[in-house]
Amino acid sequence: MNEGTATQPATKKGEETRDRILAAATDLIHQRGYKATGVAEIVAASGVPKGSFYFYFASKEELGRVLLQRYRERQREELARIFPEDAEAIPTIRGFFEGAVRMQADAGCKSGCLLGNLAAEITENEELRKELAGTLHDLQQALAGAVARGQARGELSTDFAPEAAADFFLSVFEGSILLAKARRDPQALEASLSMLARYLETLRSVAASNPPAGKEGRA
């Protein structure tokens, strides 16, 4: 089966097999890239017969689409946990990037960011590009939402657009991940995080930095 849509698994065992294929594909694509990862390698890593791949996925492109959809679903759940609506903006944004630095350092800065890696490879495929763009948009919106809430609460200055700030954060950080990956050294990430933390402080509202007289020093 090489065209159309593959059969959806009807049993628990079928779901488990499909999940194994997806998990193996995610790991391989993250490590080697989308184009350098073949179906034969994916099925070998998942431990299922090659014929099973085409039962669950009509093509490698369909697998890529489903992989990104699953990643997006899980990312949305994680972002909702990381960016609660009542959290202070600057510590929350900084904490998100600190967590990303730890993940990259723990992995030896070898694989980089899965989304960043895919952005360099799959943009000529319009369907995959749209899935990837949507996943990155969710991340950008989570950051922009934290900024907008901080502005509404008076924590952050209001003389800049939240979406533009979020794009800047992501652009700087994705670039630092590429540097760390090339150097196999988390120093580039740590330096970017330090500068990002300093930049975030420049966005803090003057009113938030200087509380009204009489608010400090009370028993």
N, C-alpha and C. Protein backbone atom coordinates (compact mmCIF):
# COMPACT_ATOMS: atom_id res chain seq x y z
N MET A 1 0.86 -1.19 0.00
CA MET A 1 0.00 0.00 0.00
C MET A 1 0.89 1.24 0.00
N ASN A 2 0.94 1.99 -1.08
CA ASN A 2 1.83 3.12 -1.19
C ASN A 2 1.11 4.44 -1.43
N GLU A 3 -0.19 4.38 -1.62
CA GLU A 3 -0.94 5.60 -1.88
C GLU A 3 -2.16 5.62 -1.00
N GLY A 4 -2.75 6.81 -0.88
CA GLY A 4 -3.95 6.94 -0.10
C GLY A 4 -3.64 6.98 1.39
N THR A 5 -4.60 6.56 2.19
CA THR A 5 -4.45 6.59 3.64
C THR A 5 -4.38 5.18 4.18
N ALA A 6 -3.42 4.91 5.04
CA ALA A 6 -3.25 3.59 5.60
C ALA A 6 -4.39 3.25 6.55
N THR A 7 -4.58 1.95 6.78
CA THR A 7 -5.62 1.48 7.68
C THR A 7 -5.31 1.88 9.11
N GLN A 8 -6.34 2.37 9.81
CA GLN A 8 -6.16 2.71 11.21
C GLN A 8 -6.25 1.44 12.07
N PRO A 9 -5.39 1.27 13.06
CA PRO A 9 -5.43 0.06 13.88
C PRO A 9 -6.74 -0.06 14.64
N ALA A 10 -7.31 -1.27 14.61
CA ALA A 10 -8.60 -1.49 15.26
C ALA A 10 -8.46 -2.18 16.60
N THR A 11 -7.27 -2.61 16.96
CA THR A 11 -7.06 -3.34 18.22
C THR A 11 -5.98 -2.65 19.04
N LYS A 12 -5.94 -3.04 20.32
CA LYS A 12 -4.91 -2.50 21.21
C LYS A 12 -3.52 -2.88 20.73
N LYS A 13 -3.37 -4.11 20.25
CA LYS A 13 -2.08 -4.55 19.73
C LYS A 13 -1.68 -3.71 18.51
N GLY A 14 -2.66 -3.42 17.66
CA GLY A 14 -2.39 -2.59 16.50
C GLY A 14 -1.95 -1.20 16.89
N GLU A 15 -2.59 -0.62 17.90
CA GLU A 15 -2.20 0.70 18.39
C GLU A 15 -0.78 0.67 18.94
N GLU A 16 -0.46 -0.39 19.67
CA GLU A 16 0.89 -0.51 20.25
C GLU A 16 1.94 -0.62 19.15
N THR A 17 1.63 -1.39 18.10
CA THR A 17 2.57 -1.51 16.98
C THR A 17 2.77 -0.17 16.30
N ARG A 18 1.68 0.53 16.05
CA ARG A 18 1.77 1.85 15.42
C ARG A 18 2.57 2.81 16.28
N ASP A 19 2.35 2.75 17.59
CA ASP A 19 3.09 3.63 18.50
C ASP A 19 4.58 3.30 18.50
N ARG A 20 4.93 2.01 18.38
CA ARG A 20 6.33 1.63 18.33
C ARG A 20 7.00 2.18 17.09
N ILE A 21 6.29 2.12 15.97
CA ILE A 21 6.83 2.67 14.72
C ILE A 21 7.05 4.17 14.86
N LEU A 22 6.06 4.86 15.42
CA LEU A 22 6.17 6.30 15.60
C LEU A 22 7.31 6.68 16.55
N ALA A 23 7.45 5.93 17.64
CA ALA A 23 8.51 6.22 18.61
C ALA A 23 9.89 6.02 17.98
N ALA A 24 10.04 4.93 17.23
CA ALA A 24 11.32 4.66 16.57
C ALA A 24 11.61 5.73 15.53
N ALA A 25 10.60 6.11 14.77
CA ALA A 25 10.79 7.13 13.73
C ALA A 25 11.17 8.47 14.36
N THR A 26 10.53 8.83 15.46
CA THR A 26 10.84 10.09 16.13
C THR A 26 12.29 10.14 16.58
N ASP A 27 12.75 9.06 17.21
CA ASP A 27 14.14 9.01 17.69
C ASP A 27 15.13 9.09 16.53
N LEU A 28 14.89 8.31 15.49
CA LEU A 28 15.81 8.29 14.35
C LEU A 28 15.84 9.62 13.61
N ILE A 29 14.67 10.19 13.38
CA ILE A 29 14.60 11.45 12.66
C ILE A 29 15.25 12.57 13.47
N HIS A 30 15.06 12.52 14.78
CA HIS A 30 15.68 13.54 15.65
C HIS A 30 17.21 13.43 15.58
N GLN A 31 17.72 12.20 15.54
CA GLN A 31 19.16 11.99 15.54
C GLN A 31 19.79 12.21 14.16
N ARG A 32 19.12 11.71 13.10
CA ARG A 32 19.74 11.68 11.78
C ARG A 32 19.15 12.65 10.78
N GLY A 33 17.93 13.10 11.05
CA GLY A 33 17.23 13.94 10.09
C GLY A 33 16.17 13.15 9.34
N TYR A 34 15.22 13.88 8.78
CA TYR A 34 14.10 13.25 8.08
C TYR A 34 14.55 12.56 6.79
N LYS A 35 15.31 13.26 5.98
CA LYS A 35 15.69 12.72 4.69
C LYS A 35 16.66 11.54 4.81
N ALA A 36 17.49 11.55 5.83
CA ALA A 36 18.50 10.49 5.99
C ALA A 36 17.93 9.24 6.66
N THR A 37 16.68 9.30 7.10
CA THR A 37 16.06 8.16 7.77
C THR A 37 15.10 7.45 6.81
N GLY A 38 15.38 6.18 6.55
CA GLY A 38 14.55 5.42 5.63
C GLY A 38 13.55 4.53 6.35
N VAL A 39 12.57 4.06 5.59
CA VAL A 39 11.55 3.18 6.16
C VAL A 39 12.18 1.90 6.71
N ALA A 40 13.17 1.35 6.00
CA ALA A 40 13.83 0.12 6.46
C ALA A 40 14.46 0.31 7.83
N GLU A 41 15.09 1.46 8.04
CA GLU A 41 15.70 1.75 9.34
C GLU A 41 14.64 1.90 10.43
N ILE A 42 13.53 2.51 10.08
CA ILE A 42 12.46 2.72 11.07
C ILE A 42 11.87 1.40 11.52
N VAL A 43 11.57 0.52 10.57
CA VAL A 43 10.96 -0.76 10.95
C VAL A 43 11.97 -1.64 11.70
N ALA A 44 13.25 -1.55 11.33
CA ALA A 44 14.26 -2.32 12.04
C ALA A 44 14.37 -1.86 13.49
N ALA A 45 14.33 -0.56 13.70
CA ALA A 45 14.43 -0.02 15.06
C ALA A 45 13.18 -0.30 15.88
N SER A 46 12.03 -0.37 15.21
CA SER A 46 10.78 -0.63 15.93
C SER A 46 10.53 -2.11 16.16
N GLY A 47 11.26 -2.96 15.43
CA GLY A 47 11.10 -4.41 15.61
C GLY A 47 9.86 -4.98 14.98
N VAL A 48 9.33 -4.31 13.94
CA VAL A 48 8.14 -4.84 13.25
C VAL A 48 8.51 -5.14 11.80
N PRO A 49 7.80 -6.05 11.15
CA PRO A 49 8.08 -6.36 9.73
C PRO A 49 7.83 -5.15 8.85
N LYS A 50 8.58 -5.06 7.75
CA LYS A 50 8.45 -3.90 6.87
C LYS A 50 7.03 -3.77 6.32
N GLY A 51 6.38 -4.90 6.06
CA GLY A 51 5.01 -4.84 5.56
C GLY A 51 4.05 -4.18 6.53
N SER A 52 4.36 -4.28 7.83
CA SER A 52 3.50 -3.65 8.82
C SER A 52 3.51 -2.14 8.72
N PHE A 53 4.63 -1.60 8.29
CA PHE A 53 4.72 -0.14 8.16
C PHE A 53 3.64 0.36 7.21
N TYR A 54 3.50 -0.28 6.06
CA TYR A 54 2.55 0.20 5.06
C TYR A 54 1.10 -0.16 5.39
N PHE A 55 0.92 -0.99 6.40
CA PHE A 55 -0.44 -1.21 6.90
C PHE A 55 -0.89 -0.01 7.72
N TYR A 56 0.04 0.58 8.48
CA TYR A 56 -0.31 1.70 9.35
C TYR A 56 -0.06 3.06 8.73
N PHE A 57 0.87 3.13 7.77
CA PHE A 57 1.21 4.40 7.14
C PHE A 57 1.34 4.19 5.63
N ALA A 58 0.63 4.98 4.87
CA ALA A 58 0.66 4.81 3.42
C ALA A 58 2.01 5.18 2.82
N SER A 59 2.77 6.02 3.53
CA SER A 59 4.05 6.47 3.02
C SER A 59 4.86 7.07 4.16
N LYS A 60 6.12 7.32 3.88
CA LYS A 60 6.96 8.00 4.87
C LYS A 60 6.43 9.40 5.15
N GLU A 61 5.88 10.06 4.14
CA GLU A 61 5.32 11.40 4.31
C GLU A 61 4.13 11.37 5.26
N GLU A 62 3.30 10.33 5.15
CA GLU A 62 2.16 10.24 6.08
C GLU A 62 2.66 10.02 7.49
N LEU A 63 3.68 9.18 7.65
CA LEU A 63 4.25 8.99 8.98
C LEU A 63 4.75 10.32 9.53
N GLY A 64 5.42 11.12 8.70
CA GLY A 64 5.90 12.42 9.15
C GLY A 64 4.76 13.32 9.61
N ARG A 65 3.65 13.28 8.87
CA ARG A 65 2.49 14.10 9.25
C ARG A 65 1.92 13.65 10.59
N VAL A 66 1.75 12.34 10.77
CA VAL A 66 1.20 11.83 12.03
C VAL A 66 2.16 12.10 13.18
N LEU A 67 3.46 11.95 12.92
CA LEU A 67 4.47 12.22 13.94
C LEU A 67 4.35 13.66 14.43
N LEU A 68 4.22 14.59 13.49
CA LEU A 68 4.10 15.99 13.88
C LEU A 68 2.79 16.27 14.60
N GLN A 69 1.71 15.61 14.20
CA GLN A 69 0.43 15.80 14.88
C GLN A 69 0.51 15.31 16.32
N ARG A 70 1.14 14.16 16.53
CA ARG A 70 1.30 13.63 17.89
C ARG A 70 2.18 14.56 18.73
N TYR A 71 3.27 14.99 18.12
CA TYR A 71 4.17 15.90 18.82
C TYR A 71 3.42 17.17 19.23
N ARG A 72 2.58 17.67 18.33
CA ARG A 72 1.84 18.89 18.61
C ARG A 72 0.85 18.70 19.76
N GLU A 73 0.19 17.56 19.79
CA GLU A 73 -0.76 17.28 20.87
C GLU A 73 -0.05 17.24 22.22
N ARG A 74 1.08 16.57 22.26
CA ARG A 74 1.82 16.47 23.52
C ARG A 74 2.41 17.81 23.92
N GLN A 75 2.87 18.57 22.93
CA GLN A 75 3.42 19.89 23.23
C GLN A 75 2.35 20.79 23.83
N ARG A 76 1.14 20.73 23.29
CA ARG A 76 0.06 21.57 23.82
C ARG A 76 -0.20 21.27 25.30
N GLU A 77 -0.20 20.00 25.65
CA GLU A 77 -0.40 19.62 27.05
C GLU A 77 0.73 20.14 27.92
N GLU A 78 1.95 20.03 27.42
CA GLU A 78 3.11 20.49 28.17
C GLU A 78 3.12 22.01 28.31
N LEU A 79 2.76 22.71 27.26
CA LEU A 79 2.74 24.17 27.32
C LEU A 79 1.67 24.67 28.29
N ALA A 80 0.54 23.99 28.35
CA ALA A 80 -0.51 24.38 29.29
C ALA A 80 -0.02 24.24 30.73
N ARG A 81 0.82 23.25 30.97
CA ARG A 81 1.38 23.05 32.31
C ARG A 81 2.46 24.09 32.62
N ILE A 82 3.31 24.39 31.65
CA ILE A 82 4.44 25.30 31.86
C ILE A 82 4.00 26.74 31.96
N PHE A 83 2.95 27.11 31.20
CA PHE A 83 2.52 28.50 31.14
C PHE A 83 1.12 28.67 31.74
N PRO A 84 0.95 28.45 33.04
CA PRO A 84 -0.37 28.68 33.65
C PRO A 84 -0.73 30.16 33.58
N GLU A 85 -2.01 30.44 33.47
CA GLU A 85 -2.45 31.82 33.23
C GLU A 85 -2.15 32.75 34.40
N ASP A 86 -2.00 32.21 35.62
CA ASP A 86 -1.78 33.07 36.77
C ASP A 86 -0.31 33.23 37.13
N ALA A 87 0.60 32.69 36.30
CA ALA A 87 2.02 32.74 36.62
C ALA A 87 2.64 34.07 36.17
N GLU A 88 3.63 34.55 36.93
CA GLU A 88 4.34 35.77 36.58
C GLU A 88 5.11 35.54 35.29
N ALA A 89 5.11 36.54 34.43
CA ALA A 89 5.62 36.36 33.07
C ALA A 89 7.12 36.05 33.00
N ILE A 90 7.97 36.89 33.58
CA ILE A 90 9.41 36.73 33.40
C ILE A 90 9.93 35.42 33.97
N PRO A 91 9.60 35.05 35.21
CA PRO A 91 10.09 33.77 35.72
C PRO A 91 9.58 32.57 34.92
N THR A 92 8.36 32.67 34.41
CA THR A 92 7.79 31.56 33.64
C THR A 92 8.52 31.39 32.31
N ILE A 93 8.72 32.48 31.60
CA ILE A 93 9.42 32.41 30.31
C ILE A 93 10.86 31.94 30.52
N ARG A 94 11.52 32.50 31.52
CA ARG A 94 12.90 32.09 31.79
C ARG A 94 12.95 30.61 32.17
N GLY A 95 12.00 30.16 32.98
CA GLY A 95 11.98 28.75 33.38
C GLY A 95 11.79 27.81 32.20
N PHE A 96 10.99 28.22 31.24
CA PHE A 96 10.80 27.40 30.04
C PHE A 96 12.12 27.19 29.31
N PHE A 97 12.86 28.27 29.10
CA PHE A 97 14.12 28.15 28.38
C PHE A 97 15.20 27.46 29.21
N GLU A 98 15.16 27.62 30.52
CA GLU A 98 16.10 26.90 31.38
C GLU A 98 15.89 25.39 31.25
N GLY A 99 14.63 24.98 31.19
CA GLY A 99 14.33 23.57 31.01
C GLY A 99 14.83 23.06 29.67
N ALA A 100 14.71 23.86 28.63
CA ALA A 100 15.20 23.47 27.31
C ALA A 100 16.72 23.33 27.31
N VAL A 101 17.40 24.22 28.01
CA VAL A 101 18.86 24.14 28.11
C VAL A 101 19.28 22.84 28.79
N ARG A 102 18.59 22.50 29.87
CA ARG A 102 18.93 21.26 30.60
C ARG A 102 18.74 20.04 29.70
N MET A 103 17.64 20.02 28.94
CA MET A 103 17.39 18.89 28.05
C MET A 103 18.49 18.75 27.00
N GLN A 104 18.90 19.85 26.41
CA GLN A 104 19.94 19.81 25.40
C GLN A 104 21.28 19.38 26.00
N ALA A 105 21.60 19.92 27.17
CA ALA A 105 22.87 19.57 27.83
C ALA A 105 22.88 18.11 28.22
N ASP A 106 21.77 17.60 28.74
CA ASP A 106 21.69 16.19 29.15
C ASP A 106 21.88 15.26 27.95
N ALA A 107 21.47 15.72 26.76
CA ALA A 107 21.61 14.92 25.54
C ALA A 107 22.95 15.13 24.85
N GLY A 108 23.83 15.90 25.49
CA GLY A 108 25.15 16.13 24.91
C GLY A 108 25.14 17.08 23.73
N CYS A 109 24.06 17.84 23.56
CA CYS A 109 23.93 18.80 22.46
C CYS A 109 24.15 18.12 21.10
N LYS A 110 23.74 16.87 20.98
CA LYS A 110 23.98 16.12 19.74
C LYS A 110 22.84 16.21 18.74
N SER A 111 21.61 16.15 19.23
CA SER A 111 20.47 16.04 18.32
C SER A 111 19.82 17.37 17.99
N GLY A 112 20.02 18.37 18.82
CA GLY A 112 19.37 19.66 18.58
C GLY A 112 17.88 19.61 18.87
N CYS A 113 17.15 20.54 18.29
CA CYS A 113 15.69 20.63 18.45
C CYS A 113 15.02 19.89 17.28
N LEU A 114 14.13 18.98 17.58
CA LEU A 114 13.46 18.23 16.52
C LEU A 114 12.75 19.16 15.55
N LEU A 115 12.05 20.16 16.06
CA LEU A 115 11.33 21.08 15.18
C LEU A 115 12.29 21.91 14.34
N GLY A 116 13.37 22.37 14.94
CA GLY A 116 14.35 23.13 14.20
C GLY A 116 15.01 22.30 13.12
N ASN A 117 15.31 21.05 13.45
CA ASN A 117 15.90 20.15 12.46
C ASN A 117 14.97 19.95 11.27
N LEU A 118 13.69 19.71 11.57
CA LEU A 118 12.72 19.46 10.51
C LEU A 118 12.51 20.71 9.64
N ALA A 119 12.59 21.88 10.26
CA ALA A 119 12.39 23.12 9.50
C ALA A 119 13.43 23.28 8.40
N ALA A 120 14.59 22.68 8.60
CA ALA A 120 15.65 22.78 7.59
C ALA A 120 15.50 21.75 6.47
N GLU A 121 14.53 20.81 6.63
CA GLU A 121 14.46 19.69 5.70
C GLU A 121 13.16 19.53 4.94
N ILE A 122 12.04 19.89 5.54
CA ILE A 122 10.76 19.44 4.98
C ILE A 122 9.91 20.57 4.40
N THR A 123 10.46 21.77 4.30
CA THR A 123 9.62 22.89 3.87
C THR A 123 9.18 22.80 2.41
N GLU A 124 9.84 21.93 1.61
CA GLU A 124 9.39 21.79 0.23
C GLU A 124 8.14 20.91 0.12
N ASN A 125 7.83 20.17 1.19
CA ASN A 125 6.61 19.38 1.25
C ASN A 125 5.55 20.22 1.95
N GLU A 126 4.57 20.70 1.21
CA GLU A 126 3.63 21.68 1.75
C GLU A 126 2.81 21.13 2.92
N GLU A 127 2.41 19.89 2.84
CA GLU A 127 1.61 19.31 3.92
C GLU A 127 2.41 19.23 5.21
N LEU A 128 3.64 18.74 5.11
CA LEU A 128 4.49 18.65 6.30
C LEU A 128 4.88 20.03 6.80
N ARG A 129 5.11 20.94 5.87
CA ARG A 129 5.46 22.31 6.28
C ARG A 129 4.34 22.94 7.10
N LYS A 130 3.10 22.74 6.69
CA LYS A 130 1.97 23.31 7.41
C LYS A 130 1.86 22.71 8.82
N GLU A 131 2.07 21.39 8.93
CA GLU A 131 2.02 20.76 10.25
C GLU A 131 3.12 21.33 11.15
N LEU A 132 4.31 21.48 10.60
CA LEU A 132 5.42 22.01 11.37
C LEU A 132 5.17 23.46 11.77
N ALA A 133 4.69 24.25 10.82
CA ALA A 133 4.40 25.66 11.11
C ALA A 133 3.35 25.79 12.21
N GLY A 134 2.35 24.91 12.19
CA GLY A 134 1.33 24.94 13.23
C GLY A 134 1.89 24.61 14.60
N THR A 135 2.81 23.65 14.65
CA THR A 135 3.42 23.26 15.92
C THR A 135 4.27 24.40 16.47
N LEU A 136 5.05 25.04 15.61
CA LEU A 136 5.85 26.19 16.04
C LEU A 136 4.96 27.36 16.44
N HIS A 137 3.82 27.50 15.75
CA HIS A 137 2.89 28.58 16.08
C HIS A 137 2.34 28.39 17.49
N ASP A 138 2.02 27.16 17.87
CA ASP A 138 1.54 26.90 19.22
C ASP A 138 2.56 27.34 20.26
N LEU A 139 3.83 27.05 20.00
CA LEU A 139 4.89 27.44 20.92
C LEU A 139 5.03 28.96 20.98
N GLN A 140 4.98 29.59 19.82
CA GLN A 140 5.06 31.04 19.78
C GLN A 140 3.90 31.69 20.53
N GLN A 141 2.70 31.11 20.37
CA GLN A 141 1.51 31.66 21.03
C GLN A 141 1.56 31.47 22.55
N ALA A 142 2.16 30.39 23.00
CA ALA A 142 2.30 30.18 24.44
C ALA A 142 3.20 31.26 25.04
N LEU A 143 4.30 31.55 24.37
CA LEU A 143 5.20 32.60 24.84
C LEU A 143 4.53 33.98 24.74
N ALA A 144 3.87 34.23 23.60
CA ALA A 144 3.20 35.51 23.42
C ALA A 144 2.09 35.69 24.46
N GLY A 145 1.38 34.62 24.78
CA GLY A 145 0.32 34.70 25.78
C GLY A 145 0.87 35.06 27.15
N ALA A 146 2.02 34.47 27.52
CA ALA A 146 2.64 34.80 28.80
C ALA A 146 3.03 36.28 28.84
N VAL A 147 3.56 36.77 27.72
CA VAL A 147 3.94 38.18 27.64
C VAL A 147 2.70 39.07 27.75
N ALA A 148 1.65 38.75 27.00
CA ALA A 148 0.43 39.57 27.00
C ALA A 148 -0.20 39.62 28.39
N ARG A 149 -0.22 38.48 29.08
CA ARG A 149 -0.78 38.47 30.44
C ARG A 149 0.08 39.31 31.38
N GLY A 150 1.40 39.24 31.18
CA GLY A 150 2.28 40.07 32.00
C GLY A 150 2.05 41.55 31.76
N GLN A 151 1.78 41.92 30.52
CA GLN A 151 1.47 43.32 30.22
C GLN A 151 0.14 43.72 30.86
N ALA A 152 -0.84 42.85 30.77
CA ALA A 152 -2.16 43.17 31.32
C ALA A 152 -2.11 43.33 32.83
N ARG A 153 -1.21 42.61 33.50
CA ARG A 153 -1.10 42.70 34.96
C ARG A 153 -0.14 43.80 35.40
N GLY A 154 0.47 44.50 34.43
CA GLY A 154 1.38 45.58 34.79
C GLY A 154 2.79 45.12 35.09
N GLU A 155 3.10 43.86 34.80
CA GLU A 155 4.45 43.34 35.06
C GLU A 155 5.42 43.79 33.97
N LEU A 156 4.94 43.86 32.75
CA LEU A 156 5.78 44.17 31.60
C LEU A 156 5.34 45.46 30.93
N SER A 157 6.27 46.13 30.30
CA SER A 157 5.97 47.31 29.51
C SER A 157 5.00 46.95 28.39
N THR A 158 4.26 47.93 27.94
CA THR A 158 3.27 47.67 26.87
C THR A 158 3.68 48.31 25.54
N ASP A 159 4.95 48.71 25.40
CA ASP A 159 5.37 49.39 24.19
C ASP A 159 5.95 48.44 23.14
N PHE A 160 5.58 47.17 23.20
CA PHE A 160 6.01 46.20 22.19
C PHE A 160 4.92 45.15 22.03
N ALA A 161 4.91 44.48 20.90
CA ALA A 161 3.90 43.47 20.61
C ALA A 161 4.33 42.12 21.19
N PRO A 162 3.44 41.43 21.91
CA PRO A 162 3.79 40.12 22.48
C PRO A 162 4.25 39.11 21.43
N GLU A 163 3.60 39.11 20.26
CA GLU A 163 3.96 38.14 19.21
C GLU A 163 5.38 38.39 18.68
N ALA A 164 5.75 39.68 18.56
CA ALA A 164 7.09 40.01 18.08
C ALA A 164 8.14 39.57 19.10
N ALA A 165 7.84 39.77 20.38
CA ALA A 165 8.77 39.33 21.43
C ALA A 165 8.93 37.81 21.40
N ALA A 166 7.82 37.10 21.24
CA ALA A 166 7.88 35.64 21.21
C ALA A 166 8.69 35.15 20.03
N ASP A 167 8.52 35.76 18.86
CA ASP A 167 9.32 35.40 17.69
C ASP A 167 10.81 35.63 17.95
N PHE A 168 11.11 36.72 18.61
CA PHE A 168 12.51 37.03 18.93
C PHE A 168 13.10 35.98 19.87
N PHE A 169 12.35 35.63 20.92
CA PHE A 169 12.83 34.62 21.86
C PHE A 169 13.15 33.32 21.13
N LEU A 170 12.21 32.87 20.30
CA LEU A 170 12.39 31.60 19.61
C LEU A 170 13.54 31.65 18.60
N SER A 171 13.66 32.76 17.89
CA SER A 171 14.72 32.88 16.90
C SER A 171 16.09 32.81 17.55
N VAL A 172 16.26 33.54 18.65
CA VAL A 172 17.54 33.54 19.36
C VAL A 172 17.84 32.15 19.91
N PHE A 173 16.83 31.53 20.48
CA PHE A 173 17.10 30.25 21.14
C PHE A 173 17.34 29.13 20.14
N GLU A 174 16.59 29.10 19.05
CA GLU A 174 16.83 28.08 18.03
C GLU A 174 18.23 28.24 17.44
N GLY A 175 18.65 29.49 17.25
CA GLY A 175 20.00 29.72 16.75
C GLY A 175 21.06 29.23 17.72
N SER A 176 20.83 29.44 19.01
CA SER A 176 21.81 28.98 20.00
C SER A 176 21.86 27.46 20.08
N ILE A 177 20.73 26.80 19.82
CA ILE A 177 20.73 25.33 19.79
C ILE A 177 21.58 24.83 18.63
N LEU A 178 21.49 25.49 17.48
CA LEU A 178 22.33 25.11 16.34
C LEU A 178 23.81 25.28 16.65
N LEU A 179 24.17 26.38 17.31
CA LEU A 179 25.56 26.59 17.68
C LEU A 179 26.03 25.51 18.65
N ALA A 180 25.21 25.21 19.65
CA ALA A 180 25.58 24.19 20.63
C ALA A 180 25.71 22.82 19.97
N LYS A 181 24.84 22.54 19.02
CA LYS A 181 24.90 21.26 18.30
C LYS A 181 26.18 21.16 17.48
N ALA A 182 26.53 22.23 16.79
CA ALA A 182 27.74 22.23 15.97
C ALA A 182 29.00 22.09 16.82
N ARG A 183 28.98 22.70 18.00
CA ARG A 183 30.16 22.70 18.87
C ARG A 183 30.17 21.53 19.87
N ARG A 184 29.02 20.84 19.99
CA ARG A 184 28.85 19.81 21.02
C ARG A 184 29.19 20.38 22.39
N ASP A 185 28.68 21.57 22.64
CA ASP A 185 29.01 22.29 23.86
C ASP A 185 27.82 23.15 24.27
N PRO A 186 27.31 22.98 25.49
CA PRO A 186 26.14 23.75 25.92
C PRO A 186 26.44 25.21 26.23
N GLN A 187 27.70 25.63 26.09
CA GLN A 187 28.05 27.00 26.45
C GLN A 187 27.28 28.02 25.64
N ALA A 188 27.07 27.73 24.35
CA ALA A 188 26.30 28.67 23.52
C ALA A 188 24.88 28.83 24.05
N LEU A 189 24.29 27.74 24.50
CA LEU A 189 22.94 27.80 25.07
C LEU A 189 22.94 28.58 26.37
N GLU A 190 23.93 28.32 27.22
CA GLU A 190 23.98 29.00 28.51
C GLU A 190 24.21 30.49 28.33
N ALA A 191 25.05 30.85 27.35
CA ALA A 191 25.29 32.27 27.08
C ALA A 191 24.02 32.95 26.57
N SER A 192 23.30 32.28 25.69
CA SER A 192 22.05 32.84 25.17
C SER A 192 21.01 32.97 26.26
N LEU A 193 20.94 31.99 27.15
CA LEU A 193 19.99 32.05 28.26
C LEU A 193 20.32 33.23 29.17
N SER A 194 21.59 33.44 29.43
CA SER A 194 22.00 34.57 30.26
C SER A 194 21.60 35.90 29.64
N MET A 195 21.84 36.02 28.33
CA MET A 195 21.47 37.27 27.65
C MET A 195 19.96 37.42 27.55
N LEU A 196 19.26 36.30 27.37
CA LEU A 196 17.80 36.36 27.31
C LEU A 196 17.24 36.83 28.65
N ALA A 197 17.82 36.34 29.74
CA ALA A 197 17.36 36.76 31.07
C ALA A 197 17.58 38.26 31.27
N ARG A 198 18.71 38.75 30.78
CA ARG A 198 18.98 40.19 30.89
C ARG A 198 18.00 40.98 30.03
N TYR A 199 17.70 40.46 28.84
CA TYR A 199 16.77 41.15 27.96
C TYR A 199 15.36 41.18 28.57
N LEU A 200 14.96 40.09 29.16
CA LEU A 200 13.63 40.04 29.78
C LEU A 200 13.49 41.13 30.85
N GLU A 201 14.56 41.38 31.57
CA GLU A 201 14.50 42.41 32.60
C GLU A 201 14.28 43.80 32.01
N THR A 202 14.75 44.01 30.78
CA THR A 202 14.52 45.32 30.14
C THR A 202 13.07 45.52 29.75
N LEU A 203 12.31 44.42 29.70
CA LEU A 203 10.89 44.51 29.36
C LEU A 203 10.01 44.74 30.58
N ARG A 204 10.62 44.65 31.75
CA ARG A 204 9.84 44.80 32.97
C ARG A 204 9.27 46.22 33.06
N SER A 205 8.03 46.33 33.48
CA SER A 205 7.37 47.62 33.60
C SER A 205 8.05 48.46 34.68
N VAL A 206 8.17 49.76 34.42
CA VAL A 206 8.74 50.66 35.43
C VAL A 206 7.91 50.63 36.69
N ALA A 207 6.59 50.57 36.54
CA ALA A 207 5.71 50.52 37.70
C ALA A 207 5.95 49.26 38.52
N ALA A 208 6.20 48.14 37.83
CA ALA A 208 6.45 46.89 38.55
C ALA A 208 7.80 46.91 39.23
N SER A 209 8.77 47.62 38.65
CA SER A 209 10.11 47.69 39.23
C SER A 209 10.17 48.65 40.41
N ASN A 210 9.26 49.63 40.43
CA ASN A 210 9.26 50.64 41.47
C ASN A 210 7.89 50.70 42.14
N PRO A 211 7.65 49.87 43.16
CA PRO A 211 6.35 49.87 43.83
C PRO A 211 6.08 51.20 44.51
N PRO A 212 4.81 51.56 44.70
CA PRO A 212 4.45 52.84 45.34
C PRO A 212 5.11 52.99 46.71
N ALA A 213 5.40 54.22 47.09
CA ALA A 213 6.00 54.48 48.39
C ALA A 213 5.11 53.94 49.49
N GLY A 214 5.74 53.37 50.51
CA GLY A 214 4.99 52.84 51.64
C GLY A 214 4.69 51.37 51.51
N LYS A 215 4.94 50.74 50.30
CA LYS A 215 4.65 49.33 50.11
C LYS A 215 5.78 48.47 50.64
N GLU A 216 6.99 49.06 50.80
CA GLU A 216 8.13 48.28 51.26
C GLU A 216 8.42 48.60 52.72
N GLY A 217 8.98 47.66 53.39
CA GLY A 217 9.44 47.89 54.75
C GLY A 217 8.36 47.82 55.80
N ARG A 218 7.13 47.43 55.42
CA ARG A 218 6.06 47.31 56.41
C ARG A 218 6.21 46.02 57.19
N ALA A 219 5.82 46.06 58.45
CA ALA A 219 5.90 44.87 59.32
C ALA A 219 4.81 43.92 58.91
